Amino acid sequence: MSTEESRHVYRLHSTLELPLEDLREHIDEVTYPDGIDDVEITRRNNTLILKAVGEDESVSKYTPSAQLKASVTENRVYEEDPDERRNSFRWDEEEEDEIESELVEFAAFKGDRETVLQNSLLQYEMFLVLCGIAEAAEKGTLTAISEHDGDLEATRIVEGEPRPANIEVVEGPRDHGSGESGVNWRDNKFITD
């Protein structure tokens, strides 16, 4: 794939969570980026894998394409907020009613690039799919630095809403006197020849 060389995801951090049912609906209705024909969803115990199916049939079926990985958790969802109910003052109620709730499975895309977005074939395209998921999610944040056609792009999506983002280059810790700290093994009196 010739376009793969000009598209990379360098940094990615995700704390996205959305109901599993909403995720499946989103994947069924979304229009995939160029290069992706379909996304296969596989569940193994409490792990959900969304794997890219490429349009390019010349790629070997043994070449692993990019995939998104999420953990599946069950959360209790209440019809009304239990804290609000406790804080409200009720004159006419002698006994508290049970708050209606149900267990809902959530897909949690949490972690850094290697944890959430794996394999390099169609990686940028699956990153675009993840951005779509982030916009559909009501909870969590997605931040990333990617490259598209030689330009670095910053992405930040918070609570389903794209937000402005920029890339800042700062001095790293290894730029300050690298090699000056640490143990000098050559002059160690406890090591003999």
Protein backbone atom coordinates (compact mmCIF):
# COMPACT_ATOMS: atom_id res chain seq x y z
CA MET A 1 0.00 0.00 0.00
CA SER A 2 1.67 3.17 -1.14
CA THR A 3 -0.39 5.53 1.04
CA GLU A 4 0.65 3.73 4.22
CA GLU A 5 4.09 5.32 4.14
CA SER A 6 2.78 8.85 4.54
CA ARG A 7 0.35 8.09 7.37
CA HIS A 8 1.42 7.21 10.91
CA VAL A 9 0.15 7.48 14.46
CA TYR A 10 3.00 8.39 16.80
CA ARG A 11 1.31 9.02 20.13
CA LEU A 12 -2.13 8.07 21.32
CA HIS A 13 -3.82 8.04 24.71
CA SER A 14 -7.41 7.00 25.23
CA THR A 15 -9.83 6.81 28.17
CA LEU A 16 -12.94 6.23 26.04
CA GLU A 17 -15.95 4.29 27.33
CA LEU A 18 -19.25 3.64 25.62
CA PRO A 19 -22.00 1.05 25.86
CA LEU A 20 -21.20 -2.06 23.82
CA GLU A 21 -24.57 -1.84 22.09
CA ASP A 22 -23.86 1.77 20.99
CA LEU A 23 -20.43 0.72 19.69
CA ARG A 24 -21.92 -2.09 17.58
CA GLU A 25 -24.53 0.30 16.12
CA HIS A 26 -21.82 2.86 15.34
CA ILE A 27 -19.63 0.28 13.57
CA ASP A 28 -22.63 -0.98 11.53
CA GLU A 29 -23.61 2.53 10.38
CA VAL A 30 -20.24 4.24 9.87
CA THR A 31 -18.63 4.91 6.50
CA TYR A 32 -15.09 3.51 6.62
CA PRO A 33 -12.03 5.46 5.45
CA ASP A 34 -10.41 4.57 2.10
CA GLY A 35 -8.48 1.31 2.41
CA ILE A 36 -10.88 -0.34 4.88
CA ASP A 37 -13.63 -2.51 3.47
CA ASP A 38 -15.09 -3.63 6.81
CA VAL A 39 -14.36 -3.92 10.54
CA GLU A 40 -14.73 -7.34 12.16
CA ILE A 41 -15.71 -7.39 15.83
CA THR A 42 -14.47 -10.36 17.88
CA ARG A 43 -14.99 -10.90 21.58
CA ARG A 44 -12.68 -13.09 23.66
CA ASN A 45 -13.86 -13.22 27.27
CA ASN A 46 -13.64 -9.60 28.43
CA THR A 47 -11.60 -8.34 25.48
CA LEU A 48 -13.13 -6.82 22.36
CA ILE A 49 -11.08 -6.66 19.14
CA LEU A 50 -12.09 -4.53 16.16
CA LYS A 51 -9.99 -5.67 13.18
CA ALA A 52 -9.65 -3.83 9.87
CA VAL A 53 -10.51 -5.77 6.72
CA GLY A 54 -8.57 -4.13 3.91
CA GLU A 55 -9.77 -3.39 0.39
CA ASP A 56 -6.37 -4.34 -1.08
CA GLU A 57 -6.56 -8.06 -1.86
CA SER A 58 -2.89 -8.25 -2.89
CA VAL A 59 -1.90 -8.17 0.81
CA SER A 60 -1.36 -11.65 2.23
CA LYS A 61 -4.13 -12.94 4.46
CA TYR A 62 -1.42 -13.69 7.04
CA THR A 63 -0.35 -10.05 7.31
CA PRO A 64 -1.95 -8.68 10.48
CA SER A 65 -3.97 -5.55 9.81
CA ALA A 66 -4.55 -2.81 12.37
CA GLN A 67 -6.93 -3.51 15.20
CA LEU A 68 -8.47 -1.65 18.09
CA LYS A 69 -8.55 -3.38 21.45
CA ALA A 70 -11.01 -2.66 24.27
CA SER A 71 -11.89 -4.27 27.56
CA VAL A 72 -15.50 -5.10 28.29
CA THR A 73 -16.88 -4.23 31.72
CA GLU A 74 -20.33 -4.35 33.27
CA ASN A 75 -21.60 -1.20 34.96
CA ARG A 76 -24.87 -0.61 36.73
CA VAL A 77 -26.80 2.24 35.10
CA TYR A 78 -29.50 3.98 37.13
CA GLU A 79 -32.59 5.62 35.64
CA GLU A 80 -32.17 8.57 37.99
CA ASP A 81 -29.04 9.67 39.79
CA PRO A 82 -29.00 8.00 43.26
CA ASP A 83 -27.14 11.00 44.79
CA GLU A 84 -29.83 13.41 43.64
CA ARG A 85 -32.51 11.14 45.06
CA ARG A 86 -30.77 10.94 48.45
CA ASN A 87 -30.34 14.72 48.61
CA SER A 88 -33.94 15.51 47.68
CA PHE A 89 -36.28 16.08 50.60
CA ARG A 90 -39.51 14.12 50.47
CA TRP A 91 -42.33 14.78 52.92
CA ASP A 92 -44.80 12.22 51.73
CA GLU A 93 -42.57 9.17 51.42
CA GLU A 94 -42.18 6.99 54.48
CA GLU A 95 -40.17 4.29 52.74
CA GLU A 96 -37.58 4.77 50.02
CA ASP A 97 -38.45 3.13 46.69
CA GLU A 98 -35.88 0.98 44.90
CA ILE A 99 -34.14 2.96 42.14
CA GLU A 100 -34.58 1.29 38.75
CA SER A 101 -31.28 0.11 37.29
CA GLU A 102 -29.81 -2.35 34.82
CA LEU A 103 -26.40 -3.88 34.10
CA VAL A 104 -24.92 -2.53 30.88
CA GLU A 105 -21.77 -3.80 29.14
CA PHE A 106 -19.30 -1.06 28.24
CA ALA A 107 -16.38 -1.14 25.82
CA ALA A 108 -13.41 0.69 27.35
CA PHE A 109 -10.64 1.80 24.98
CA LYS A 110 -8.11 2.69 27.67
CA GLY A 111 -4.37 3.01 27.37
CA ASP A 112 -1.63 4.20 25.06
CA ARG A 113 -1.05 3.47 21.39
CA GLU A 114 0.22 -0.11 21.63
CA THR A 115 -2.57 -1.05 24.03
CA VAL A 116 -5.46 0.43 22.02
CA LEU A 117 -4.20 0.52 18.40
CA GLN A 118 -2.13 -2.44 17.26
CA ASN A 119 -0.35 -3.49 14.02
CA SER A 120 0.86 -1.13 11.30
CA LEU A 121 -1.07 -2.18 8.16
CA LEU A 122 -4.01 0.29 7.88
CA GLN A 123 -3.03 1.84 11.22
CA TYR A 124 -3.90 5.43 10.27
CA GLU A 125 -7.24 4.33 8.80
CA MET A 126 -8.14 2.47 12.02
CA PHE A 127 -7.10 5.57 13.95
CA LEU A 128 -9.76 7.45 11.95
CA VAL A 129 -12.29 4.76 12.95
CA LEU A 130 -11.23 5.28 16.59
CA CYS A 131 -11.77 9.04 16.19
CA GLY A 132 -15.31 8.28 15.01
CA ILE A 133 -15.84 6.08 18.07
CA ALA A 134 -14.50 8.90 20.28
CA GLU A 135 -17.06 11.30 18.81
CA ALA A 136 -19.83 8.76 19.50
CA ALA A 137 -18.66 8.19 23.11
CA GLU A 138 -20.11 10.36 25.86
CA LYS A 139 -17.37 9.51 28.34
CA GLY A 140 -13.60 9.77 28.05
CA THR A 141 -10.86 11.51 26.10
CA LEU A 142 -8.79 10.69 23.03
CA THR A 143 -5.53 12.55 22.40
CA ALA A 144 -3.11 11.74 19.61
CA ILE A 145 -0.28 12.94 17.41
CA SER A 146 -0.39 11.59 13.89
CA GLU A 147 1.21 12.33 10.55
CA HIS A 148 -0.70 12.72 7.34
CA ASP A 149 1.15 13.55 4.10
CA GLY A 150 4.22 14.81 5.95
CA ASP A 151 2.37 17.11 8.38
CA LEU A 152 1.96 16.42 12.08
CA GLU A 153 -1.61 16.66 13.35
CA ALA A 154 -2.83 16.91 16.93
CA THR A 155 -6.16 15.30 17.81
CA ARG A 156 -8.15 15.84 21.00
CA ILE A 157 -11.71 14.61 21.51
CA VAL A 158 -13.28 15.09 24.95
CA GLU A 159 -16.68 13.64 25.95
CA GLY A 160 -17.59 13.10 22.28
CA GLU A 161 -16.66 16.62 21.18
CA PRO A 162 -13.57 17.52 19.07
CA ARG A 163 -11.51 20.19 20.84
CA PRO A 164 -8.64 22.38 19.62
CA ALA A 165 -5.23 20.77 20.04
CA ASN A 166 -1.67 21.68 19.19
CA ILE A 167 1.73 20.03 19.27
CA GLU A 168 4.38 21.49 21.55
CA VAL A 169 8.03 20.47 21.35
CA VAL A 170 9.75 20.51 24.74
CA GLU A 171 13.17 19.53 25.98
CA GLY A 172 13.25 15.96 27.23
CA PRO A 173 14.99 14.72 30.36
CA ARG A 174 17.73 12.96 28.41
CA ASP A 175 18.88 16.27 26.86
CA HIS A 176 20.27 17.49 30.21
CA GLY A 177 23.81 16.18 30.63
CA SER A 178 23.24 12.71 29.30
CA GLY A 179 26.02 10.42 30.40
CA GLU A 180 26.94 12.53 33.44
CA SER A 181 24.73 10.61 35.83
CA GLY A 182 24.82 6.90 36.50
CA VAL A 183 27.54 4.48 37.52
CA ASN A 184 30.95 4.58 35.92
CA TRP A 185 31.72 0.87 35.86
CA ARG A 186 35.27 1.35 34.57
CA ASP A 187 36.44 3.12 37.75
CA ASN A 188 34.56 0.92 40.19
CA LYS A 189 36.91 -0.27 42.97
CA PHE A 190 34.73 -3.36 43.61
CA ILE A 191 35.25 -4.77 40.12
CA THR A 192 38.63 -6.34 39.45
CA ASP A 193 40.16 -7.59 36.24
